[in-house]
Amino acid sequence: MYLKHKQSGDLVEIMEISSVVDPMKNSILARFHHGEELQDEESISKDQLQFPSGESLPRCWLDADYRNVK
């Protein structure tokens, strides 16, 4: 699965998809895709990511308390 880093606009390869949809995890293990060389995996905060289309990640992926109205 690929997502887009909000600040840089670079694509990010998600190493474990289950960590993206888990609202209890604030960061995920991912690898940036820019340049010709394969980048090292690093921890990235989920609030810095969005879908490649520019759409935000679903609230249920980010907030464990998503069912309660804020």
C-alpha atoms as a PDB file:
ATOM      1  CA  MET A   1       0.000   0.000   0.000  1.00  0.00           C
ATOM      2  CA  TYR A   2       1.228   3.477  -0.830  1.00  0.00           C
ATOM      3  CA  LEU A   3       0.270   6.733   0.858  1.00  0.00           C
ATOM      4  CA  LYS A   4       1.501  10.281   0.312  1.00  0.00           C
ATOM      5  CA  HIS A   5       3.545  12.334   2.784  1.00  0.00           C
ATOM      6  CA  LYS A   6       1.709  15.654   3.263  1.00  0.00           C
ATOM      7  CA  GLN A   7       4.754  17.948   3.569  1.00  0.00           C
ATOM      8  CA  SER A   8       6.938  16.555   0.799  1.00  0.00           C
ATOM      9  CA  GLY A   9       4.343  15.028  -1.534  1.00  0.00           C
ATOM     10  CA  ASP A  10       6.503  11.886  -1.812  1.00  0.00           C
ATOM     11  CA  LEU A  11       4.952   8.438  -1.953  1.00  0.00           C
ATOM     12  CA  VAL A  12       5.452   6.288   1.116  1.00  0.00           C
ATOM     13  CA  GLU A  13       5.346   2.487   1.017  1.00  0.00           C
ATOM     14  CA  ILE A  14       3.582   1.100   4.071  1.00  0.00           C
ATOM     15  CA  MET A  15       5.405  -1.933   5.429  1.00  0.00           C
ATOM     16  CA  GLU A  16       2.550  -3.309   7.587  1.00  0.00           C
ATOM     17  CA  ILE A  17      -0.955  -2.438   6.426  1.00  0.00           C
ATOM     18  CA  SER A  18      -2.453  -3.611   9.719  1.00  0.00           C
ATOM     19  CA  SER A  19      -0.619  -0.781  11.519  1.00  0.00           C
ATOM     20  CA  VAL A  20      -2.265   1.844   9.276  1.00  0.00           C
ATOM     21  CA  VAL A  21      -5.803   0.770  10.143  1.00  0.00           C
ATOM     22  CA  ASP A  22      -5.075   0.285  13.859  1.00  0.00           C
ATOM     23  CA  PRO A  23      -6.288   3.447  15.638  1.00  0.00           C
ATOM     24  CA  MET A  24      -4.155   2.607  18.691  1.00  0.00           C
ATOM     25  CA  LYS A  25      -0.933   3.166  16.729  1.00  0.00           C
ATOM     26  CA  ASN A  26       0.127   6.770  16.123  1.00  0.00           C
ATOM     27  CA  SER A  27       3.067   5.948  13.883  1.00  0.00           C
ATOM     28  CA  ILE A  28       3.819   3.310  11.284  1.00  0.00           C
ATOM     29  CA  LEU A  29       6.862   1.730   9.684  1.00  0.00           C
ATOM     30  CA  ALA A  30       7.229   2.980   6.128  1.00  0.00           C
ATOM     31  CA  ARG A  31       9.732   3.661   3.359  1.00  0.00           C
ATOM     32  CA  PHE A  32       9.858   6.835   1.249  1.00  0.00           C
ATOM     33  CA  HIS A  33       9.970   6.423  -2.517  1.00  0.00           C
ATOM     34  CA  HIS A  34      12.061   9.197  -4.007  1.00  0.00           C
ATOM     35  CA  GLY A  35      15.239   9.022  -5.983  1.00  0.00           C
ATOM     36  CA  GLU A  36      16.596   5.881  -7.570  1.00  0.00           C
ATOM     37  CA  GLU A  37      17.904   4.113  -4.463  1.00  0.00           C
ATOM     38  CA  LEU A  38      15.730   2.113  -2.096  1.00  0.00           C
ATOM     39  CA  GLN A  39      15.317   4.148   1.102  1.00  0.00           C
ATOM     40  CA  ASP A  40      15.563   2.770   4.634  1.00  0.00           C
ATOM     41  CA  GLU A  41      12.414   2.057   6.621  1.00  0.00           C
ATOM     42  CA  GLU A  42      11.501   4.669   9.219  1.00  0.00           C
ATOM     43  CA  SER A  43       8.746   5.455  11.661  1.00  0.00           C
ATOM     44  CA  ILE A  44       6.274   8.065  10.362  1.00  0.00           C
ATOM     45  CA  SER A  45       3.389   9.656  12.236  1.00  0.00           C
ATOM     46  CA  LYS A  46       0.040   8.739  10.658  1.00  0.00           C
ATOM     47  CA  ASP A  47      -1.170  12.355  10.849  1.00  0.00           C
ATOM     48  CA  GLN A  48       1.527  13.239   8.271  1.00  0.00           C
ATOM     49  CA  LEU A  49       0.005  10.888   5.675  1.00  0.00           C
ATOM     50  CA  GLN A  50      -2.865  11.020   3.217  1.00  0.00           C
ATOM     51  CA  PHE A  51      -4.056   9.015   0.234  1.00  0.00           C
ATOM     52  CA  PRO A  52      -2.250   9.729  -3.071  1.00  0.00           C
ATOM     53  CA  SER A  53      -5.447  11.443  -4.272  1.00  0.00           C
ATOM     54  CA  GLY A  54      -5.058  14.018  -1.479  1.00  0.00           C
ATOM     55  CA  GLU A  55      -7.922  12.615   0.592  1.00  0.00           C
ATOM     56  CA  SER A  56      -7.353  12.364   4.355  1.00  0.00           C
ATOM     57  CA  LEU A  57      -7.088   9.040   6.125  1.00  0.00           C
ATOM     58  CA  PRO A  58     -10.358   7.878   7.726  1.00  0.00           C
ATOM     59  CA  ARG A  59     -10.872   9.048  11.298  1.00  0.00           C
ATOM     60  CA  CYS A  60     -11.357   5.430  12.449  1.00  0.00           C
ATOM     61  CA  TRP A  61      -7.735   4.754  11.427  1.00  0.00           C
ATOM     62  CA  LEU A  62      -6.409   7.673  13.484  1.00  0.00           C
ATOM     63  CA  ASP A  63      -8.634   7.996  16.555  1.00  0.00           C
ATOM     64  CA  ALA A  64      -9.472   5.049  18.827  1.00  0.00           C
ATOM     65  CA  ASP A  65     -12.351   7.102  20.240  1.00  0.00           C
ATOM     66  CA  TYR A  66     -13.845   7.815  16.803  1.00  0.00           C
ATOM     67  CA  ARG A  67     -17.355   6.661  17.739  1.00  0.00           C
ATOM     68  CA  ASN A  68     -17.819   9.442  20.272  1.00  0.00           C
ATOM     69  CA  VAL A  69     -18.875  12.784  18.870  1.00  0.00           C
ATOM     70  CA  LYS A  70     -16.404  15.568  19.651  1.00  0.00           C
END
